[in-house]
Amino acid sequence: MERFMLYLVARLTPRPEVFEETKTSVASIIAPTRKEPGCQRFELHSDDEHLYLVEAWDDEAALDFHYAQPYTSAVMSANEDRLVSSPRIEKMHLVA
């Protein structure tokens, strides 16, 4: 039986004047998130305008567990007003 994996890319668009502050804030949850059960990948990438969280989870339950962690909700709340718009979240499954 093939193993189910959930992949996710979240694109955040911080206001330019708080880009570095937002990047530092989001980066603060990388280490604890990588220790969560079901987390296979959790990386922070960037270009000149956006931050990207590239994630892989065993399943939806593992992602729900991540969202329920106090550090996750704290970072989401702290950065809400720093973003130009709501995060764009793309969930996908491996096809081939």
PDB file of N, CA and C in Angstrom:
ATOM      1  N   MET A   1       0.845  -1.183   0.000  1.00  0.00           N
ATOM      2  CA  MET A   1       0.000   0.000   0.000  1.00  0.00           C
ATOM      3  C   MET A   1       0.890   1.245   0.000  1.00  0.00           C
ATOM      4  N   GLU A   2       0.533   2.197  -0.828  1.00  0.00           N
ATOM      5  CA  GLU A   2       1.285   3.438  -0.929  1.00  0.00           C
ATOM      6  C   GLU A   2       1.034   4.323   0.285  1.00  0.00           C
ATOM      7  N   ARG A   3       2.083   4.937   0.775  1.00  0.00           N
ATOM      8  CA  ARG A   3       1.980   5.804   1.946  1.00  0.00           C
ATOM      9  C   ARG A   3       1.386   7.153   1.552  1.00  0.00           C
ATOM     10  N   PHE A   4       0.387   7.597   2.286  1.00  0.00           N
ATOM     11  CA  PHE A   4      -0.255   8.890   2.058  1.00  0.00           C
ATOM     12  C   PHE A   4       0.646   9.998   2.573  1.00  0.00           C
ATOM     13  N   MET A   5       0.824  11.034   1.795  1.00  0.00           N
ATOM     14  CA  MET A   5       1.575  12.210   2.237  1.00  0.00           C
ATOM     15  C   MET A   5       0.802  13.446   1.805  1.00  0.00           C
ATOM     16  N   LEU A   6       0.822  14.428   2.662  1.00  0.00           N
ATOM     17  CA  LEU A   6       0.198  15.710   2.372  1.00  0.00           C
ATOM     18  C   LEU A   6       1.309  16.735   2.220  1.00  0.00           C
ATOM     19  N   TYR A   7       1.324  17.407   1.095  1.00  0.00           N
ATOM     20  CA  TYR A   7       2.301  18.464   0.840  1.00  0.00           C
ATOM     21  C   TYR A   7       1.586  19.802   0.887  1.00  0.00           C
ATOM     22  N   LEU A   8       2.306  20.806   1.334  1.00  0.00           N
ATOM     23  CA  LEU A   8       1.697  22.120   1.494  1.00  0.00           C
ATOM     24  C   LEU A   8       2.745  23.189   1.199  1.00  0.00           C
ATOM     25  N   VAL A   9       2.319  24.215   0.485  1.00  0.00           N
ATOM     26  CA  VAL A   9       3.141  25.409   0.299  1.00  0.00           C
ATOM     27  C   VAL A   9       2.290  26.592   0.732  1.00  0.00           C
ATOM     28  N   ALA A  10       2.794  27.330   1.700  1.00  0.00           N
ATOM     29  CA  ALA A  10       2.104  28.531   2.181  1.00  0.00           C
ATOM     30  C   ALA A  10       2.923  29.741   1.750  1.00  0.00           C
ATOM     31  N   ARG A  11       2.278  30.667   1.051  1.00  0.00           N
ATOM     32  CA  ARG A  11       2.958  31.892   0.620  1.00  0.00           C
ATOM     33  C   ARG A  11       2.483  33.053   1.482  1.00  0.00           C
ATOM     34  N   LEU A  12       3.435  33.696   2.140  1.00  0.00           N
ATOM     35  CA  LEU A  12       3.153  34.857   2.982  1.00  0.00           C
ATOM     36  C   LEU A  12       3.739  36.085   2.298  1.00  0.00           C
ATOM     37  N   THR A  13       2.996  37.182   2.327  1.00  0.00           N
ATOM     38  CA  THR A  13       3.474  38.429   1.733  1.00  0.00           C
ATOM     39  C   THR A  13       3.531  39.495   2.818  1.00  0.00           C
ATOM     40  N   PRO A  14       4.676  39.615   3.493  1.00  0.00           N
ATOM     41  CA  PRO A  14       4.809  40.634   4.535  1.00  0.00           C
ATOM     42  C   PRO A  14       4.911  42.034   3.919  1.00  0.00           C
ATOM     43  N   ARG A  15       4.494  43.020   4.680  1.00  0.00           N
ATOM     44  CA  ARG A  15       4.731  44.402   4.273  1.00  0.00           C
ATOM     45  C   ARG A  15       6.247  44.608   4.214  1.00  0.00           C
ATOM     46  N   PRO A  16       6.747  45.354   3.245  1.00  0.00           N
ATOM     47  CA  PRO A  16       8.206  45.502   3.078  1.00  0.00           C
ATOM     48  C   PRO A  16       8.935  45.967   4.334  1.00  0.00           C
ATOM     49  N   GLU A  17       8.340  46.867   5.079  1.00  0.00           N
ATOM     50  CA  GLU A  17       9.024  47.424   6.252  1.00  0.00           C
ATOM     51  C   GLU A  17       9.149  46.433   7.410  1.00  0.00           C
ATOM     52  N   VAL A  18       8.429  45.324   7.356  1.00  0.00           N
ATOM     53  CA  VAL A  18       8.516  44.315   8.422  1.00  0.00           C
ATOM     54  C   VAL A  18       8.892  42.934   7.871  1.00  0.00           C
ATOM     55  N   PHE A  19       9.462  42.916   6.669  1.00  0.00           N
ATOM     56  CA  PHE A  19       9.811  41.645   6.034  1.00  0.00           C
ATOM     57  C   PHE A  19      10.781  40.834   6.894  1.00  0.00           C
ATOM     58  N   GLU A  20      11.877  41.440   7.299  1.00  0.00           N
ATOM     59  CA  GLU A  20      12.894  40.716   8.076  1.00  0.00           C
ATOM     60  C   GLU A  20      12.357  40.274   9.435  1.00  0.00           C
ATOM     61  N   GLU A  21      11.586  41.122  10.066  1.00  0.00           N
ATOM     62  CA  GLU A  21      10.988  40.791  11.364  1.00  0.00           C
ATOM     63  C   GLU A  21      10.040  39.598  11.221  1.00  0.00           C
ATOM     64  N   THR A  22       9.258  39.604  10.160  1.00  0.00           N
ATOM     65  CA  THR A  22       8.328  38.501   9.914  1.00  0.00           C
ATOM     66  C   THR A  22       9.092  37.213   9.629  1.00  0.00           C
ATOM     67  N   LYS A  23      10.142  37.301   8.827  1.00  0.00           N
ATOM     68  CA  LYS A  23      10.956  36.124   8.505  1.00  0.00           C
ATOM     69  C   LYS A  23      11.554  35.517   9.776  1.00  0.00           C
ATOM     70  N   THR A  24      12.069  36.356  10.651  1.00  0.00           N
ATOM     71  CA  THR A  24      12.646  35.877  11.911  1.00  0.00           C
ATOM     72  C   THR A  24      11.586  35.209  12.778  1.00  0.00           C
ATOM     73  N   SER A  25      10.414  35.810  12.829  1.00  0.00           N
ATOM     74  CA  SER A  25       9.321  35.265  13.628  1.00  0.00           C
ATOM     75  C   SER A  25       8.904  33.884  13.119  1.00  0.00           C
ATOM     76  N   VAL A  26       8.694  33.775  11.823  1.00  0.00           N
ATOM     77  CA  VAL A  26       8.276  32.493  11.245  1.00  0.00           C
ATOM     78  C   VAL A  26       9.380  31.447  11.415  1.00  0.00           C
ATOM     79  N   ALA A  27      10.621  31.846  11.243  1.00  0.00           N
ATOM     80  CA  ALA A  27      11.744  30.912  11.392  1.00  0.00           C
ATOM     81  C   ALA A  27      11.833  30.339  12.804  1.00  0.00           C
ATOM     82  N   SER A  28      11.301  31.054  13.775  1.00  0.00           N
ATOM     83  CA  SER A  28      11.389  30.599  15.170  1.00  0.00           C
ATOM     84  C   SER A  28      10.629  29.302  15.441  1.00  0.00           C
ATOM     85  N   ILE A  29       9.696  28.932  14.571  1.00  0.00           N
ATOM     86  CA  ILE A  29       8.941  27.694  14.807  1.00  0.00           C
ATOM     87  C   ILE A  29       9.472  26.506  14.006  1.00  0.00           C
ATOM     88  N   ILE A  30      10.527  26.710  13.234  1.00  0.00           N
ATOM     89  CA  ILE A  30      11.040  25.615  12.403  1.00  0.00           C
ATOM     90  C   ILE A  30      11.516  24.439  13.253  1.00  0.00           C
ATOM     91  N   ALA A  31      12.384  24.684  14.212  1.00  0.00           N
ATOM     92  CA  ALA A  31      12.935  23.578  15.019  1.00  0.00           C
ATOM     93  C   ALA A  31      11.857  22.797  15.767  1.00  0.00           C
ATOM     94  N   PRO A  32      10.951  23.458  16.505  1.00  0.00           N
ATOM     95  CA  PRO A  32       9.937  22.656  17.201  1.00  0.00           C
ATOM     96  C   PRO A  32       8.978  21.943  16.251  1.00  0.00           C
ATOM     97  N   THR A  33       8.685  22.561  15.116  1.00  0.00           N
ATOM     98  CA  THR A  33       7.783  21.925  14.161  1.00  0.00           C
ATOM     99  C   THR A  33       8.396  20.660  13.588  1.00  0.00           C
ATOM    100  N   ARG A  34       9.673  20.684  13.289  1.00  0.00           N
ATOM    101  CA  ARG A  34      10.338  19.507  12.721  1.00  0.00           C
ATOM    102  C   ARG A  34      10.350  18.323  13.676  1.00  0.00           C
ATOM    103  N   LYS A  35      10.152  18.576  14.962  1.00  0.00           N
ATOM    104  CA  LYS A  35      10.103  17.501  15.961  1.00  0.00           C
ATOM    105  C   LYS A  35       8.698  16.933  16.147  1.00  0.00           C
ATOM    106  N   GLU A  36       7.703  17.556  15.532  1.00  0.00           N
ATOM    107  CA  GLU A  36       6.320  17.100  15.700  1.00  0.00           C
ATOM    108  C   GLU A  36       6.111  15.741  15.027  1.00  0.00           C
ATOM    109  N   PRO A  37       5.256  14.911  15.634  1.00  0.00           N
ATOM    110  CA  PRO A  37       4.936  13.640  14.977  1.00  0.00           C
ATOM    111  C   PRO A  37       4.246  13.905  13.642  1.00  0.00           C
ATOM    112  N   GLY A  38       4.680  13.205  12.625  1.00  0.00           N
ATOM    113  CA  GLY A  38       4.052  13.343  11.313  1.00  0.00           C
ATOM    114  C   GLY A  38       4.645  14.422  10.427  1.00  0.00           C
ATOM    115  N   CYS A  39       5.567  15.209  10.936  1.00  0.00           N
ATOM    116  CA  CYS A  39       6.218  16.232  10.115  1.00  0.00           C
ATOM    117  C   CYS A  39       7.383  15.597   9.366  1.00  0.00           C
ATOM    118  N   GLN A  40       7.315  15.614   8.057  1.00  0.00           N
ATOM    119  CA  GLN A  40       8.384  15.059   7.224  1.00  0.00           C
ATOM    120  C   GLN A  40       9.289  16.151   6.653  1.00  0.00           C
ATOM    121  N   ARG A  41       8.736  17.340   6.516  1.00  0.00           N
ATOM    122  CA  ARG A  41       9.495  18.464   5.944  1.00  0.00           C
ATOM    123  C   ARG A  41       8.852  19.765   6.391  1.00  0.00           C
ATOM    124  N   PHE A  42       9.682  20.719   6.803  1.00  0.00           N
ATOM    125  CA  PHE A  42       9.183  22.044   7.174  1.00  0.00           C
ATOM    126  C   PHE A  42      10.322  23.023   6.933  1.00  0.00           C
ATOM    127  N   GLU A  43      10.230  23.773   5.843  1.00  0.00           N
ATOM    128  CA  GLU A  43      11.298  24.673   5.425  1.00  0.00           C
ATOM    129  C   GLU A  43      10.742  26.062   5.157  1.00  0.00           C
ATOM    130  N   LEU A  44      11.585  27.057   5.375  1.00  0.00           N
ATOM    131  CA  LEU A  44      11.231  28.443   5.071  1.00  0.00           C
ATOM    132  C   LEU A  44      12.110  28.917   3.922  1.00  0.00           C
ATOM    133  N   HIS A  45      11.466  29.386   2.863  1.00  0.00           N
ATOM    134  CA  HIS A  45      12.155  29.924   1.689  1.00  0.00           C
ATOM    135  C   HIS A  45      11.681  31.363   1.489  1.00  0.00           C
ATOM    136  N   SER A  46      12.433  32.126   0.688  1.00  0.00           N
ATOM    137  CA  SER A  46      11.992  33.495   0.409  1.00  0.00           C
ATOM    138  C   SER A  46      12.472  33.952  -0.956  1.00  0.00           C
ATOM    139  N   ASP A  47      11.793  34.968  -1.462  1.00  0.00           N
ATOM    140  CA  ASP A  47      12.277  35.745  -2.590  1.00  0.00           C
ATOM    141  C   ASP A  47      12.254  37.199  -2.114  1.00  0.00           C
ATOM    142  N   ASP A  48      12.254  38.148  -3.014  1.00  0.00           N
ATOM    143  CA  ASP A  48      12.319  39.551  -2.599  1.00  0.00           C
ATOM    144  C   ASP A  48      11.049  40.059  -1.919  1.00  0.00           C
ATOM    145  N   GLU A  49       9.922  39.389  -2.146  1.00  0.00           N
ATOM    146  CA  GLU A  49       8.648  39.888  -1.631  1.00  0.00           C
ATOM    147  C   GLU A  49       7.876  38.908  -0.765  1.00  0.00           C
ATOM    148  N   HIS A  50       8.207  37.629  -0.844  1.00  0.00           N
ATOM    149  CA  HIS A  50       7.387  36.611  -0.191  1.00  0.00           C
ATOM    150  C   HIS A  50       8.218  35.678   0.673  1.00  0.00           C
ATOM    151  N   LEU A  51       7.537  35.082   1.631  1.00  0.00           N
ATOM    152  CA  LEU A  51       8.074  33.966   2.402  1.00  0.00           C
ATOM    153  C   LEU A  51       7.252  32.743   2.015  1.00  0.00           C
ATOM    154  N   TYR A  52       7.908  31.604   1.913  1.00  0.00           N
ATOM    155  CA  TYR A  52       7.229  30.366   1.543  1.00  0.00           C
ATOM    156  C   TYR A  52       7.549  29.296   2.577  1.00  0.00           C
ATOM    157  N   LEU A  53       6.519  28.695   3.121  1.00  0.00           N
ATOM    158  CA  LEU A  53       6.690  27.519   3.965  1.00  0.00           C
ATOM    159  C   LEU A  53       6.427  26.306   3.083  1.00  0.00           C
ATOM    160  N   VAL A  54       7.423  25.448   2.961  1.00  0.00           N
ATOM    161  CA  VAL A  54       7.313  24.231   2.163  1.00  0.00           C
ATOM    162  C   VAL A  54       7.263  23.078   3.154  1.00  0.00           C
ATOM    163  N   GLU A  55       6.149  22.356   3.129  1.00  0.00           N
ATOM    164  CA  GLU A  55       5.883  21.374   4.177  1.00  0.00           C
ATOM    165  C   GLU A  55       5.470  20.026   3.595  1.00  0.00           C
ATOM    166  N   ALA A  56       5.746  18.971   4.347  1.00  0.00           N
ATOM    167  CA  ALA A  56       5.248  17.629   4.029  1.00  0.00           C
ATOM    168  C   ALA A  56       4.841  16.973   5.341  1.00  0.00           C
ATOM    169  N   TRP A  57       3.658  16.391   5.348  1.00  0.00           N
ATOM    170  CA  TRP A  57       3.071  15.793   6.548  1.00  0.00           C
ATOM    171  C   TRP A  57       2.602  14.381   6.235  1.00  0.00           C
ATOM    172  N   ASP A  58       2.608  13.532   7.253  1.00  0.00           N
ATOM    173  CA  ASP A  58       2.110  12.164   7.073  1.00  0.00           C
ATOM    174  C   ASP A  58       0.652  12.155   6.643  1.00  0.00           C
ATOM    175  N   ASP A  59      -0.130  13.069   7.213  1.00  0.00           N
ATOM    176  CA  ASP A  59      -1.557  13.114   6.919  1.00  0.00           C
ATOM    177  C   ASP A  59      -2.155  14.409   7.471  1.00  0.00           C
ATOM    178  N   GLU A  60      -3.429  14.588   7.249  1.00  0.00           N
ATOM    179  CA  GLU A  60      -4.142  15.792   7.701  1.00  0.00           C
ATOM    180  C   GLU A  60      -4.132  15.912   9.222  1.00  0.00           C
ATOM    181  N   ALA A  61      -4.177  14.787   9.925  1.00  0.00           N
ATOM    182  CA  ALA A  61      -4.153  14.815  11.395  1.00  0.00           C
ATOM    183  C   ALA A  61      -2.844  15.410  11.909  1.00  0.00           C
ATOM    184  N   ALA A  62      -1.737  15.102  11.258  1.00  0.00           N
ATOM    185  CA  ALA A  62      -0.443  15.672  11.663  1.00  0.00           C
ATOM    186  C   ALA A  62      -0.430  17.178  11.445  1.00  0.00           C
ATOM    187  N   LEU A  63      -1.010  17.628  10.339  1.00  0.00           N
ATOM    188  CA  LEU A  63      -1.094  19.068  10.078  1.00  0.00           C
ATOM    189  C   LEU A  63      -2.005  19.742  11.100  1.00  0.00           C
ATOM    190  N   ASP A  64      -3.124  19.117  11.432  1.00  0.00           N
ATOM    191  CA  ASP A  64      -4.022  19.666  12.458  1.00  0.00           C
ATOM    192  C   ASP A  64      -3.308  19.781  13.801  1.00  0.00           C
ATOM    193  N   PHE A  65      -2.508  18.778  14.142  1.00  0.00           N
ATOM    194  CA  PHE A  65      -1.727  18.814  15.380  1.00  0.00           C
ATOM    195  C   PHE A  65      -0.785  20.017  15.361  1.00  0.00           C
ATOM    196  N   HIS A  66      -0.134  20.250  14.234  1.00  0.00           N
ATOM    197  CA  HIS A  66       0.775  21.393  14.089  1.00  0.00           C
ATOM    198  C   HIS A  66       0.030  22.709  14.329  1.00  0.00           C
ATOM    199  N   TYR A  67      -1.123  22.870  13.700  1.00  0.00           N
ATOM    200  CA  TYR A  67      -1.900  24.108  13.864  1.00  0.00           C
ATOM    201  C   TYR A  67      -2.353  24.310  15.303  1.00  0.00           C
ATOM    202  N   ALA A  68      -2.498  23.234  16.062  1.00  0.00           N
ATOM    203  CA  ALA A  68      -2.969  23.323  17.450  1.00  0.00           C
ATOM    204  C   ALA A  68      -1.856  23.662  18.444  1.00  0.00           C
ATOM    205  N   GLN A  69      -0.612  23.667  17.999  1.00  0.00           N
ATOM    206  CA  GLN A  69       0.500  23.944  18.916  1.00  0.00           C
ATOM    207  C   GLN A  69       0.525  25.421  19.307  1.00  0.00           C
ATOM    208  N   PRO A  70       0.818  25.718  20.573  1.00  0.00           N
ATOM    209  CA  PRO A  70       0.835  27.115  21.030  1.00  0.00           C
ATOM    210  C   PRO A  70       1.815  27.987  20.254  1.00  0.00           C
ATOM    211  N   TYR A  71       2.974  27.462  19.900  1.00  0.00           N
ATOM    212  CA  TYR A  71       3.947  28.279  19.159  1.00  0.00           C
ATOM    213  C   TYR A  71       3.460  28.590  17.751  1.00  0.00           C
ATOM    214  N   THR A  72       2.708  27.676  17.148  1.00  0.00           N
ATOM    215  CA  THR A  72       2.166  27.932  15.812  1.00  0.00           C
ATOM    216  C   THR A  72       1.126  29.035  15.864  1.00  0.00           C
ATOM    217  N   SER A  73       0.174  28.920  16.782  1.00  0.00           N
ATOM    218  CA  SER A  73      -0.869  29.949  16.870  1.00  0.00           C
ATOM    219  C   SER A  73      -0.290  31.294  17.296  1.00  0.00           C
ATOM    220  N   ALA A  74       0.743  31.285  18.142  1.00  0.00           N
ATOM    221  CA  ALA A  74       1.368  32.545  18.571  1.00  0.00           C
ATOM    222  C   ALA A  74       2.030  33.254  17.393  1.00  0.00           C
ATOM    223  N   VAL A  75       2.739  32.511  16.555  1.00  0.00           N
ATOM    224  CA  VAL A  75       3.395  33.117  15.394  1.00  0.00           C
ATOM    225  C   VAL A  75       2.362  33.586  14.373  1.00  0.00           C
ATOM    226  N   MET A  76       1.317  32.804  14.176  1.00  0.00           N
ATOM    227  CA  MET A  76       0.268  33.217  13.244  1.00  0.00           C
ATOM    228  C   MET A  76      -0.381  34.517  13.711  1.00  0.00           C
ATOM    229  N   SER A  77      -0.670  34.617  14.989  1.00  0.00           N
ATOM    230  CA  SER A  77      -1.279  35.834  15.540  1.00  0.00           C
ATOM    231  C   SER A  77      -0.328  37.018  15.474  1.00  0.00           C
ATOM    232  N   ALA A  78       0.935  36.797  15.819  1.00  0.00           N
ATOM    233  CA  ALA A  78       1.922  37.882  15.836  1.00  0.00           C
ATOM    234  C   ALA A  78       2.146  38.474  14.449  1.00  0.00           C
ATOM    235  N   ASN A  79       1.994  37.664  13.421  1.00  0.00           N
ATOM    236  CA  ASN A  79       2.288  38.130  12.061  1.00  0.00           C
ATOM    237  C   ASN A  79       1.063  38.544  11.263  1.00  0.00           C
ATOM    238  N   GLU A  80      -0.106  38.352  11.804  1.00  0.00           N
ATOM    239  CA  GLU A  80      -1.334  38.656  11.077  1.00  0.00           C
ATOM    240  C   GLU A  80      -1.352  40.084  10.532  1.00  0.00           C
ATOM    241  N   ASP A  81      -0.987  41.054  11.343  1.00  0.00           N
ATOM    242  CA  ASP A  81      -1.018  42.456  10.923  1.00  0.00           C
ATOM    243  C   ASP A  81       0.198  42.858  10.093  1.00  0.00           C
ATOM    244  N   ARG A  82       1.178  41.995   9.993  1.00  0.00           N
ATOM    245  CA  ARG A  82       2.380  42.291   9.202  1.00  0.00           C
ATOM    246  C   ARG A  82       2.213  41.911   7.731  1.00  0.00           C
ATOM    247  N   LEU A  83       1.160  41.181   7.424  1.00  0.00           N
ATOM    248  CA  LEU A  83       0.974  40.677   6.065  1.00  0.00           C
ATOM    249  C   LEU A  83       0.117  41.613   5.229  1.00  0.00           C
ATOM    250  N   VAL A  84       0.447  41.701   3.946  1.00  0.00           N
ATOM    251  CA  VAL A  84      -0.319  42.502   2.999  1.00  0.00           C
ATOM    252  C   VAL A  84      -1.697  41.879   2.789  1.00  0.00           C
ATOM    253  N   SER A  85      -1.756  40.548   2.789  1.00  0.00           N
ATOM    254  CA  SER A  85      -3.008  39.818   2.580  1.00  0.00           C
ATOM    255  C   SER A  85      -2.928  38.493   3.330  1.00  0.00           C
ATOM    256  N   SER A  86      -4.027  37.789   3.348  1.00  0.00           N
ATOM    257  CA  SER A  86      -4.045  36.476   4.002  1.00  0.00           C
ATOM    258  C   SER A  86      -3.060  35.538   3.316  1.00  0.00           C
ATOM    259  N   PRO A  87      -2.462  34.616   4.078  1.00  0.00           N
ATOM    260  CA  PRO A  87      -1.553  33.650   3.453  1.00  0.00           C
ATOM    261  C   PRO A  87      -2.274  32.835   2.381  1.00  0.00           C
ATOM    262  N   ARG A  88      -1.551  32.529   1.324  1.00  0.00           N
ATOM    263  CA  ARG A  88      -2.090  31.658   0.272  1.00  0.00           C
ATOM    264  C   ARG A  88      -1.556  30.259   0.550  1.00  0.00           C
ATOM    265  N   ILE A  89      -2.455  29.334   0.786  1.00  0.00           N
ATOM    266  CA  ILE A  89      -2.060  27.972   1.154  1.00  0.00           C
ATOM    267  C   ILE A  89      -2.521  26.999   0.076  1.00  0.00           C
ATOM    268  N   GLU A  90      -1.564  26.263  -0.455  1.00  0.00           N
ATOM    269  CA  GLU A  90      -1.838  25.255  -1.481  1.00  0.00           C
ATOM    270  C   GLU A  90      -1.525  23.887  -0.895  1.00  0.00           C
ATOM    271  N   LYS A  91      -2.538  23.029  -0.815  1.00  0.00           N
ATOM    272  CA  LYS A  91      -2.338  21.649  -0.360  1.00  0.00           C
ATOM    273  C   LYS A  91      -2.355  20.740  -1.577  1.00  0.00           C
ATOM    274  N   MET A  92      -1.492  19.727  -1.546  1.00  0.00           N
ATOM    275  CA  MET A  92      -1.424  18.822  -2.688  1.00  0.00           C
ATOM    276  C   MET A  92      -0.960  17.437  -2.256  1.00  0.00           C
ATOM    277  N   HIS A  93      -1.145  16.480  -3.162  1.00  0.00           N
ATOM    278  CA  HIS A  93      -0.702  15.105  -2.954  1.00  0.00           C
ATOM    279  C   HIS A  93       0.179  14.705  -4.131  1.00  0.00           C
ATOM    280  N   LEU A  94       1.156  13.872  -3.864  1.00  0.00           N
ATOM    281  CA  LEU A  94       2.057  13.393  -4.900  1.00  0.00           C
ATOM    282  C   LEU A  94       1.287  12.563  -5.921  1.00  0.00           C
ATOM    283  N   VAL A  95       1.482  12.867  -7.181  1.00  0.00           N
ATOM    284  CA  VAL A  95       0.822  12.136  -8.256  1.00  0.00           C
ATOM    285  C   VAL A  95       1.778  11.122  -8.882  1.00  0.00           C
ATOM    286  N   ALA A  96       2.983  11.549  -9.163  1.00  0.00           N
ATOM    287  CA  ALA A  96       3.953  10.648  -9.816  1.00  0.00           C
ATOM    288  C   ALA A  96       5.368  11.031  -9.426  1.00  0.00           C
TER     289      ALA A  96
END
